[in-house]
Amino acid sequence: MTWGFFQRSDSRPASMGGLSFPNRSRSYDATRRAVRFWGYFRSMENSFFVSTEALTRLQPGISPDESGFLGAFDNNRDRIYAVAARVYAEGRRGSYDLTVTDF
C-alpha cells in the first residue's frame, strides 16, 4: 500500500519528502510519558516523541502501560510517520513532540 509520496506500509524504509524512518525501533520513555522514535534527514538523526495521550486517542482502550503504548505505536505507525513528517516540515528543532492536537 502506498501513501502518495509519503509512506509505504510494507517493509521498506519510509521516506517522506526527504525525511525517512529506516530505523523501526521505538522505546517507551516513562519520564516523558511518550514513545520515542527516530527520523532521518540526509545524515541528521531527529528524535520524535508521540505522547501517551495521543496514542490513547489513536487507539482507545489500550492498556495504559509500556506494552499498550508500544502496541498502539506499532498499529498506527503509518499515521504517526505522516504526522511526524508534517510537524518536521513546519520547522527544524532538536526534537519533535507529537501531541493530540497534531492528530
C-alpha atoms as a PDB file:
ATOM      1  CA  MET A   1       0.000   0.000   0.000  1.00  0.00           C
ATOM      2  CA  THR A   2       1.381   3.411  -0.926  1.00  0.00           C
ATOM      3  CA  TRP A   3       0.527   6.767   0.603  1.00  0.00           C
ATOM      4  CA  GLY A   4       1.365   9.033  -2.317  1.00  0.00           C
ATOM      5  CA  PHE A   5       4.928  10.199  -1.839  1.00  0.00           C
ATOM      6  CA  PHE A   6       4.669   9.849   1.915  1.00  0.00           C
ATOM      7  CA  GLN A   7       4.695   6.319   3.264  1.00  0.00           C
ATOM      8  CA  ARG A   8       4.898   2.695   2.324  1.00  0.00           C
ATOM      9  CA  SER A   9       3.327   0.249   4.737  1.00  0.00           C
ATOM     10  CA  ASP A  10       5.488  -2.613   3.511  1.00  0.00           C
ATOM     11  CA  SER A  11       8.893  -3.456   4.987  1.00  0.00           C
ATOM     12  CA  ARG A  12      10.885  -0.865   3.015  1.00  0.00           C
ATOM     13  CA  PRO A  13      12.106   2.221   4.882  1.00  0.00           C
ATOM     14  CA  ALA A  14       9.618   5.053   4.970  1.00  0.00           C
ATOM     15  CA  SER A  15      10.556   8.258   3.181  1.00  0.00           C
ATOM     16  CA  MET A  16       8.512  11.427   3.409  1.00  0.00           C
ATOM     17  CA  GLY A  17       9.777  14.328   1.383  1.00  0.00           C
ATOM     18  CA  GLY A  18      13.387  13.783   2.412  1.00  0.00           C
ATOM     19  CA  LEU A  19      12.594  12.659   5.964  1.00  0.00           C
ATOM     20  CA  SER A  20      12.881   8.902   6.337  1.00  0.00           C
ATOM     21  CA  PHE A  21      12.196   6.351   9.041  1.00  0.00           C
ATOM     22  CA  PRO A  22      14.500   3.415   8.226  1.00  0.00           C
ATOM     23  CA  ASN A  23      15.001   2.539  11.902  1.00  0.00           C
ATOM     24  CA  ARG A  24      11.809   0.801  13.025  1.00  0.00           C
ATOM     25  CA  SER A  25      12.879   0.707  16.675  1.00  0.00           C
ATOM     26  CA  ARG A  26      10.964   2.671  19.267  1.00  0.00           C
ATOM     27  CA  SER A  27      11.074   2.878  23.034  1.00  0.00           C
ATOM     28  CA  TYR A  28       8.800   3.946  25.835  1.00  0.00           C
ATOM     29  CA  ASP A  29      10.008   6.913  27.872  1.00  0.00           C
ATOM     30  CA  ALA A  30       8.129   6.847  31.180  1.00  0.00           C
ATOM     31  CA  THR A  31       9.534  10.217  32.261  1.00  0.00           C
ATOM     32  CA  ARG A  32       8.176  11.967  29.181  1.00  0.00           C
ATOM     33  CA  ARG A  33       5.071   9.737  29.005  1.00  0.00           C
ATOM     34  CA  ALA A  34       5.785   9.206  25.327  1.00  0.00           C
ATOM     35  CA  VAL A  35       7.078   6.728  22.786  1.00  0.00           C
ATOM     36  CA  ARG A  36      10.350   7.814  21.224  1.00  0.00           C
ATOM     37  CA  PHE A  37      11.325   7.053  17.631  1.00  0.00           C
ATOM     38  CA  TRP A  38      13.807   8.426  15.131  1.00  0.00           C
ATOM     39  CA  GLY A  39      13.630  10.021  11.725  1.00  0.00           C
ATOM     40  CA  TYR A  40      16.482  10.924   9.413  1.00  0.00           C
ATOM     41  CA  PHE A  41      17.004  13.803   7.024  1.00  0.00           C
ATOM     42  CA  ARG A  42      20.112  13.148   4.989  1.00  0.00           C
ATOM     43  CA  SER A  43      22.646  12.185   7.667  1.00  0.00           C
ATOM     44  CA  MET A  44      20.926  14.016  10.527  1.00  0.00           C
ATOM     45  CA  GLU A  45      19.077  11.959  13.142  1.00  0.00           C
ATOM     46  CA  ASN A  46      15.983  13.555  14.680  1.00  0.00           C
ATOM     47  CA  SER A  47      14.180  12.376  17.808  1.00  0.00           C
ATOM     48  CA  PHE A  48      10.398  12.272  17.844  1.00  0.00           C
ATOM     49  CA  PHE A  49       8.122  11.684  20.824  1.00  0.00           C
ATOM     50  CA  VAL A  50       4.459  10.773  20.492  1.00  0.00           C
ATOM     51  CA  SER A  51       2.562  11.347  23.728  1.00  0.00           C
ATOM     52  CA  THR A  52       0.709   8.570  25.501  1.00  0.00           C
ATOM     53  CA  GLU A  53      -2.382  10.777  25.336  1.00  0.00           C
ATOM     54  CA  ALA A  54      -2.131  10.884  21.536  1.00  0.00           C
ATOM     55  CA  LEU A  55      -1.615   7.103  21.374  1.00  0.00           C
ATOM     56  CA  THR A  56      -4.675   6.546  23.566  1.00  0.00           C
ATOM     57  CA  ARG A  57      -6.692   8.804  21.266  1.00  0.00           C
ATOM     58  CA  LEU A  58      -5.440   6.909  18.191  1.00  0.00           C
ATOM     59  CA  GLN A  59      -6.310   3.555  19.719  1.00  0.00           C
ATOM     60  CA  PRO A  60      -8.898   3.805  22.508  1.00  0.00           C
ATOM     61  CA  GLY A  61      -8.976   1.025  25.050  1.00  0.00           C
ATOM     62  CA  ILE A  62      -5.265   0.220  25.060  1.00  0.00           C
ATOM     63  CA  SER A  63      -3.602  -0.912  28.240  1.00  0.00           C
ATOM     64  CA  PRO A  64      -2.089   2.217  29.851  1.00  0.00           C
ATOM     65  CA  ASP A  65       1.382   0.696  30.211  1.00  0.00           C
ATOM     66  CA  GLU A  66       4.558   0.301  28.183  1.00  0.00           C
ATOM     67  CA  SER A  67       3.271  -2.703  26.265  1.00  0.00           C
ATOM     68  CA  GLY A  68      -0.008  -0.989  25.398  1.00  0.00           C
ATOM     69  CA  PHE A  69       1.650   2.227  24.238  1.00  0.00           C
ATOM     70  CA  LEU A  70       4.244   0.419  22.114  1.00  0.00           C
ATOM     71  CA  GLY A  71       1.494  -1.718  20.574  1.00  0.00           C
ATOM     72  CA  ALA A  72      -0.557   1.373  19.764  1.00  0.00           C
ATOM     73  CA  PHE A  73       2.504   2.926  18.135  1.00  0.00           C
ATOM     74  CA  ASP A  74       3.077  -0.179  16.021  1.00  0.00           C
ATOM     75  CA  ASN A  75      -0.587  -0.357  14.978  1.00  0.00           C
ATOM     76  CA  ASN A  76      -0.613   3.300  13.933  1.00  0.00           C
ATOM     77  CA  ARG A  77       2.942   3.646  12.603  1.00  0.00           C
ATOM     78  CA  ASP A  78       1.940   4.913   9.128  1.00  0.00           C
ATOM     79  CA  ARG A  79      -0.238   7.671  10.534  1.00  0.00           C
ATOM     80  CA  ILE A  80       2.359   8.637  13.151  1.00  0.00           C
ATOM     81  CA  TYR A  81       5.086   8.853  10.496  1.00  0.00           C
ATOM     82  CA  ALA A  82       2.857  11.060   8.318  1.00  0.00           C
ATOM     83  CA  VAL A  83       2.195  13.413  11.244  1.00  0.00           C
ATOM     84  CA  ALA A  84       5.898  13.420  12.154  1.00  0.00           C
ATOM     85  CA  ALA A  85       6.797  14.428   8.597  1.00  0.00           C
ATOM     86  CA  ARG A  86       4.258  17.264   8.669  1.00  0.00           C
ATOM     87  CA  VAL A  87       5.494  18.548  12.048  1.00  0.00           C
ATOM     88  CA  TYR A  88       9.109  18.267  10.877  1.00  0.00           C
ATOM     89  CA  ALA A  89       8.318  20.314   7.758  1.00  0.00           C
ATOM     90  CA  GLU A  90       6.890  23.126   9.920  1.00  0.00           C
ATOM     91  CA  GLY A  91      10.349  23.946  11.270  1.00  0.00           C
ATOM     92  CA  ARG A  92      13.576  22.286  12.302  1.00  0.00           C
ATOM     93  CA  ARG A  93      14.136  21.661  16.029  1.00  0.00           C
ATOM     94  CA  GLY A  94      16.283  19.426  18.221  1.00  0.00           C
ATOM     95  CA  SER A  95      13.382  17.063  18.908  1.00  0.00           C
ATOM     96  CA  TYR A  96       9.720  16.886  17.996  1.00  0.00           C
ATOM     97  CA  ASP A  97       6.787  16.257  20.329  1.00  0.00           C
ATOM     98  CA  LEU A  98       3.656  14.871  18.704  1.00  0.00           C
ATOM     99  CA  THR A  99       0.581  15.544  20.807  1.00  0.00           C
ATOM    100  CA  VAL A 100      -3.167  15.042  20.464  1.00  0.00           C
ATOM    101  CA  THR A 101      -3.520  18.346  18.617  1.00  0.00           C
ATOM    102  CA  ASP A 102      -1.171  17.110  15.869  1.00  0.00           C
ATOM    103  CA  PHE A 103      -3.514  14.240  15.022  1.00  0.00           C
END
